[in-house]
Structure formats: structure tokens, C-alpha cells
């Protein structure tokens, strides 16, 4: 995460700063955002956004987003500790 850059959500909307970190842009997801996770040791360019039935990956450089549905047996998800590693590896 770059100093001064903050990512947050309200409902199903994910907010991210433009390149100057002065104004905000918004992306809407299909469901309410449960958690936002950043780990620059996994990827310096990605923000992981969890909902109860999917994982969305936001690319900080291209400002694009891709999503992957959780298997039906895992929905609705309510805890993501260490679980996201499995999803990222499956997404590769």
C-alpha cells in the first residue's frame, strides 16, 4: 500500500483513491463487502475484497476488478482467516 492511500467500502461499493490520492473513485460489487485485505508480500498491486459468496481482486495499477465465486458449499462465508490463500492459489 502506498503511503496516504486508503481503500474502504460502504455497502456493496468499494472506494479507491485516484493516482493523486486526492479524489475517490467507486466500483460497485454484486454484494455487500465483508472484508478488504492488502498484503504486499503476496501482491503489491492487488487489493482483495471479500463478500459472503465471492472474492474480488482489484488491481491498483489498471483499476480493474476480477471476481471469483466461492463454491456453493462455502457460502455464505463469514470468516476469511487463512481461507483466502486457498482462493488465490486456485485463481492462479
N, C-alpha and C. Protein backbone atom coordinates (compact mmCIF):
# COMPACT_ATOMS: atom_id res chain seq x y z
N UNK A 1 0.85 -1.17 0.00
CA UNK A 1 0.00 0.00 0.00
C UNK A 1 0.89 1.22 0.00
N UNK A 2 0.56 2.17 -0.84
CA UNK A 2 1.31 3.40 -0.88
C UNK A 2 0.94 4.27 0.32
N UNK A 3 1.90 4.98 0.88
CA UNK A 3 1.57 5.90 1.98
C UNK A 3 0.50 6.90 1.53
N UNK A 4 -0.49 7.09 2.36
CA UNK A 4 -1.54 8.04 2.05
C UNK A 4 -2.69 7.45 1.25
N UNK A 5 -2.56 6.21 0.77
CA UNK A 5 -3.63 5.58 0.02
C UNK A 5 -4.48 4.74 0.97
N UNK A 6 -5.78 4.94 0.92
CA UNK A 6 -6.71 4.23 1.78
C UNK A 6 -7.79 3.62 0.89
N UNK A 7 -8.16 2.40 1.20
CA UNK A 7 -9.22 1.71 0.48
C UNK A 7 -10.32 1.39 1.49
N UNK A 8 -11.58 1.61 1.10
CA UNK A 8 -12.67 1.33 2.04
C UNK A 8 -13.93 0.97 1.28
N UNK A 9 -14.93 0.52 2.02
CA UNK A 9 -16.20 0.16 1.40
C UNK A 9 -17.35 0.71 2.22
N UNK A 10 -18.48 0.85 1.56
CA UNK A 10 -19.75 1.18 2.20
C UNK A 10 -20.79 0.37 1.45
N UNK A 11 -21.38 -0.61 2.16
CA UNK A 11 -22.33 -1.48 1.49
C UNK A 11 -21.63 -2.31 0.43
N UNK A 12 -22.15 -2.27 -0.79
CA UNK A 12 -21.55 -3.03 -1.88
C UNK A 12 -20.57 -2.20 -2.72
N UNK A 13 -20.27 -1.01 -2.27
CA UNK A 13 -19.39 -0.11 -3.01
C UNK A 13 -17.97 -0.12 -2.44
N UNK A 14 -17.00 -0.25 -3.32
CA UNK A 14 -15.58 -0.23 -2.97
C UNK A 14 -15.00 1.10 -3.46
N UNK A 15 -14.34 1.82 -2.57
CA UNK A 15 -13.78 3.13 -2.91
C UNK A 15 -12.26 3.05 -2.92
N UNK A 16 -11.67 3.70 -3.90
CA UNK A 16 -10.21 3.73 -4.01
C UNK A 16 -9.78 5.12 -4.47
N UNK A 17 -8.57 5.53 -4.12
CA UNK A 17 -8.11 6.86 -4.49
C UNK A 17 -7.62 6.88 -5.94
N UNK A 18 -7.74 8.05 -6.55
CA UNK A 18 -7.12 8.18 -7.86
C UNK A 18 -5.61 8.23 -7.65
N UNK A 19 -4.85 8.40 -8.70
CA UNK A 19 -3.39 8.35 -8.58
C UNK A 19 -2.81 9.45 -7.71
N UNK A 20 -3.53 10.52 -7.53
CA UNK A 20 -3.02 11.62 -6.71
C UNK A 20 -3.43 11.47 -5.24
N UNK A 21 -4.29 10.51 -4.94
CA UNK A 21 -4.82 10.30 -3.58
C UNK A 21 -5.58 11.52 -3.08
N UNK A 22 -6.15 12.29 -4.01
CA UNK A 22 -6.91 13.47 -3.64
C UNK A 22 -8.41 13.22 -3.79
N UNK A 23 -8.81 12.51 -4.83
CA UNK A 23 -10.23 12.22 -5.06
C UNK A 23 -10.46 10.71 -5.00
N UNK A 24 -11.73 10.35 -4.84
CA UNK A 24 -12.11 8.94 -4.71
C UNK A 24 -12.88 8.48 -5.92
N UNK A 25 -12.69 7.22 -6.27
CA UNK A 25 -13.47 6.58 -7.33
C UNK A 25 -14.19 5.40 -6.68
N UNK A 26 -15.27 4.95 -7.34
CA UNK A 26 -16.12 3.92 -6.74
C UNK A 26 -16.36 2.80 -7.74
N UNK A 27 -16.28 1.57 -7.25
CA UNK A 27 -16.70 0.39 -8.00
C UNK A 27 -17.80 -0.29 -7.21
N UNK A 28 -18.82 -0.76 -7.91
CA UNK A 28 -19.92 -1.45 -7.25
C UNK A 28 -19.81 -2.95 -7.46
N UNK A 29 -19.94 -3.69 -6.38
CA UNK A 29 -19.91 -5.15 -6.45
C UNK A 29 -21.34 -5.68 -6.38
N UNK A 30 -21.49 -6.98 -6.61
CA UNK A 30 -22.82 -7.58 -6.58
C UNK A 30 -23.39 -7.71 -5.17
N UNK A 31 -22.50 -7.77 -4.18
CA UNK A 31 -22.94 -7.96 -2.80
C UNK A 31 -22.20 -7.00 -1.88
N UNK A 32 -22.66 -6.95 -0.64
CA UNK A 32 -22.03 -6.13 0.38
C UNK A 32 -20.61 -6.62 0.64
N UNK A 33 -19.69 -5.70 0.76
CA UNK A 33 -18.29 -6.03 1.05
C UNK A 33 -18.19 -6.42 2.53
N UNK A 34 -17.56 -7.58 2.76
CA UNK A 34 -17.37 -8.05 4.14
C UNK A 34 -16.00 -7.65 4.68
N UNK A 35 -14.97 -7.84 3.86
CA UNK A 35 -13.59 -7.54 4.28
C UNK A 35 -12.78 -7.04 3.11
N UNK A 36 -11.80 -6.20 3.41
CA UNK A 36 -10.81 -5.76 2.44
C UNK A 36 -9.45 -6.14 3.00
N UNK A 37 -8.62 -6.74 2.16
CA UNK A 37 -7.32 -7.22 2.62
C UNK A 37 -6.24 -6.81 1.64
N UNK A 38 -5.14 -6.30 2.17
CA UNK A 38 -3.97 -5.94 1.36
C UNK A 38 -2.76 -6.62 1.99
N UNK A 39 -1.95 -7.27 1.15
CA UNK A 39 -0.72 -7.89 1.61
C UNK A 39 0.31 -7.74 0.51
N UNK A 40 1.20 -6.77 0.66
CA UNK A 40 2.15 -6.50 -0.42
C UNK A 40 3.19 -7.60 -0.59
N UNK A 41 3.27 -8.55 0.36
CA UNK A 41 4.16 -9.69 0.18
C UNK A 41 3.53 -10.72 -0.76
N UNK A 42 2.22 -10.73 -0.86
CA UNK A 42 1.53 -11.60 -1.80
C UNK A 42 1.47 -10.91 -3.16
N UNK A 43 1.04 -9.66 -3.17
CA UNK A 43 0.99 -8.86 -4.39
C UNK A 43 0.94 -7.39 -4.01
N UNK A 44 1.87 -6.65 -4.54
CA UNK A 44 1.92 -5.22 -4.25
C UNK A 44 0.86 -4.44 -5.02
N UNK A 45 0.32 -5.05 -6.08
CA UNK A 45 -0.60 -4.34 -6.96
C UNK A 45 -2.06 -4.72 -6.78
N UNK A 46 -2.37 -5.57 -5.78
CA UNK A 46 -3.75 -6.05 -5.67
C UNK A 46 -4.34 -5.82 -4.28
N UNK A 47 -5.65 -5.58 -4.29
CA UNK A 47 -6.45 -5.45 -3.08
C UNK A 47 -7.50 -6.56 -3.16
N UNK A 48 -7.63 -7.34 -2.09
CA UNK A 48 -8.57 -8.46 -2.06
C UNK A 48 -9.83 -8.03 -1.34
N UNK A 49 -10.97 -8.21 -2.00
CA UNK A 49 -12.25 -7.76 -1.49
C UNK A 49 -13.15 -8.98 -1.34
N UNK A 50 -13.59 -9.24 -0.12
CA UNK A 50 -14.41 -10.42 0.16
C UNK A 50 -15.87 -10.05 0.36
N UNK A 51 -16.76 -10.84 -0.24
CA UNK A 51 -18.18 -10.78 0.07
C UNK A 51 -18.56 -12.16 0.60
N UNK A 52 -19.81 -12.37 0.96
CA UNK A 52 -20.19 -13.67 1.52
C UNK A 52 -20.15 -14.79 0.49
N UNK A 53 -20.08 -14.46 -0.81
CA UNK A 53 -20.07 -15.53 -1.80
C UNK A 53 -19.01 -15.38 -2.89
N UNK A 54 -18.09 -14.41 -2.74
CA UNK A 54 -17.07 -14.25 -3.77
C UNK A 54 -15.84 -13.53 -3.24
N UNK A 55 -14.78 -13.64 -4.03
CA UNK A 55 -13.55 -12.90 -3.80
C UNK A 55 -13.33 -12.04 -5.03
N UNK A 56 -13.19 -10.75 -4.84
CA UNK A 56 -12.88 -9.84 -5.93
C UNK A 56 -11.44 -9.36 -5.74
N UNK A 57 -10.72 -9.24 -6.83
CA UNK A 57 -9.34 -8.76 -6.78
C UNK A 57 -9.27 -7.47 -7.58
N UNK A 58 -8.92 -6.39 -6.89
CA UNK A 58 -8.81 -5.07 -7.50
C UNK A 58 -7.34 -4.82 -7.83
N UNK A 59 -7.05 -4.47 -9.09
CA UNK A 59 -5.70 -4.15 -9.50
C UNK A 59 -5.49 -2.65 -9.35
N UNK A 60 -4.53 -2.26 -8.51
CA UNK A 60 -4.30 -0.85 -8.21
C UNK A 60 -3.74 -0.07 -9.39
N UNK A 61 -3.04 -0.73 -10.30
CA UNK A 61 -2.47 -0.04 -11.46
C UNK A 61 -3.49 0.19 -12.56
N UNK A 62 -4.26 -0.85 -12.90
CA UNK A 62 -5.21 -0.73 -14.01
C UNK A 62 -6.60 -0.30 -13.55
N UNK A 63 -6.83 -0.31 -12.24
CA UNK A 63 -8.14 0.00 -11.65
C UNK A 63 -9.22 -0.95 -12.15
N UNK A 64 -8.80 -2.17 -12.51
CA UNK A 64 -9.76 -3.19 -12.95
C UNK A 64 -10.03 -4.14 -11.80
N UNK A 65 -11.13 -4.87 -11.94
CA UNK A 65 -11.52 -5.80 -10.90
C UNK A 65 -11.93 -7.11 -11.55
N UNK A 66 -11.54 -8.21 -10.94
CA UNK A 66 -11.99 -9.53 -11.40
C UNK A 66 -12.53 -10.27 -10.17
N UNK A 67 -13.54 -11.10 -10.41
CA UNK A 67 -14.18 -11.79 -9.30
C UNK A 67 -14.19 -13.29 -9.52
N UNK A 68 -14.22 -14.00 -8.40
CA UNK A 68 -14.34 -15.45 -8.44
C UNK A 68 -15.36 -15.85 -7.37
N UNK A 69 -16.38 -16.59 -7.79
CA UNK A 69 -17.40 -17.06 -6.86
C UNK A 69 -16.83 -18.14 -5.96
N UNK A 70 -17.23 -18.14 -4.72
CA UNK A 70 -16.88 -19.22 -3.82
C UNK A 70 -17.72 -20.45 -4.18
N UNK A 71 -17.21 -21.64 -3.92
CA UNK A 71 -18.05 -22.82 -4.13
C UNK A 71 -19.32 -22.71 -3.29
N UNK A 72 -20.40 -23.22 -3.81
CA UNK A 72 -21.71 -23.12 -3.14
C UNK A 72 -21.63 -23.65 -1.71
N UNK A 73 -20.87 -24.71 -1.49
CA UNK A 73 -20.77 -25.31 -0.16
C UNK A 73 -20.12 -24.36 0.84
N UNK A 74 -19.41 -23.36 0.38
CA UNK A 74 -18.72 -22.43 1.28
C UNK A 74 -19.48 -21.13 1.49
N UNK A 75 -20.63 -20.99 0.88
CA UNK A 75 -21.41 -19.77 1.01
C UNK A 75 -22.57 -20.00 1.96
N UNK A 76 -22.95 -19.04 2.75
CA UNK A 76 -22.30 -17.73 2.89
C UNK A 76 -21.07 -17.82 3.80
N UNK A 77 -20.00 -17.23 3.34
CA UNK A 77 -18.77 -17.20 4.13
C UNK A 77 -18.84 -16.07 5.14
N UNK A 78 -18.34 -16.30 6.32
CA UNK A 78 -18.35 -15.27 7.34
C UNK A 78 -17.00 -15.11 8.02
N UNK A 79 -16.05 -15.99 7.71
CA UNK A 79 -14.71 -15.90 8.29
C UNK A 79 -13.70 -16.18 7.20
N UNK A 80 -12.69 -15.33 7.09
CA UNK A 80 -11.75 -15.45 5.99
C UNK A 80 -10.31 -15.64 6.45
N UNK A 81 -10.07 -15.92 7.71
CA UNK A 81 -8.70 -16.08 8.20
C UNK A 81 -8.06 -17.29 7.53
N UNK A 82 -6.97 -17.05 6.83
CA UNK A 82 -6.19 -18.04 6.10
C UNK A 82 -6.95 -18.66 4.93
N UNK A 83 -8.24 -18.54 4.87
CA UNK A 83 -9.05 -19.10 3.80
C UNK A 83 -8.70 -18.48 2.46
N UNK A 84 -8.37 -17.22 2.41
CA UNK A 84 -8.10 -16.53 1.15
C UNK A 84 -6.89 -17.10 0.43
N UNK A 85 -5.93 -17.71 1.15
CA UNK A 85 -4.79 -18.32 0.48
C UNK A 85 -5.25 -19.38 -0.51
N UNK A 86 -6.21 -20.18 -0.11
CA UNK A 86 -6.71 -21.24 -0.97
C UNK A 86 -7.34 -20.63 -2.23
N UNK A 87 -8.10 -19.59 -2.05
CA UNK A 87 -8.77 -18.97 -3.19
C UNK A 87 -7.77 -18.36 -4.16
N UNK A 88 -6.77 -17.71 -3.65
CA UNK A 88 -5.77 -17.08 -4.52
C UNK A 88 -5.01 -18.15 -5.29
N UNK A 89 -4.63 -19.22 -4.64
CA UNK A 89 -3.91 -20.29 -5.32
C UNK A 89 -4.78 -20.93 -6.39
N UNK A 90 -6.06 -21.09 -6.11
CA UNK A 90 -6.97 -21.67 -7.10
C UNK A 90 -7.20 -20.72 -8.27
N UNK A 91 -7.05 -19.43 -8.03
CA UNK A 91 -7.30 -18.42 -9.04
C UNK A 91 -6.10 -18.26 -9.99
N UNK A 92 -4.95 -18.74 -9.60
CA UNK A 92 -3.73 -18.57 -10.40
C UNK A 92 -3.79 -19.31 -11.70
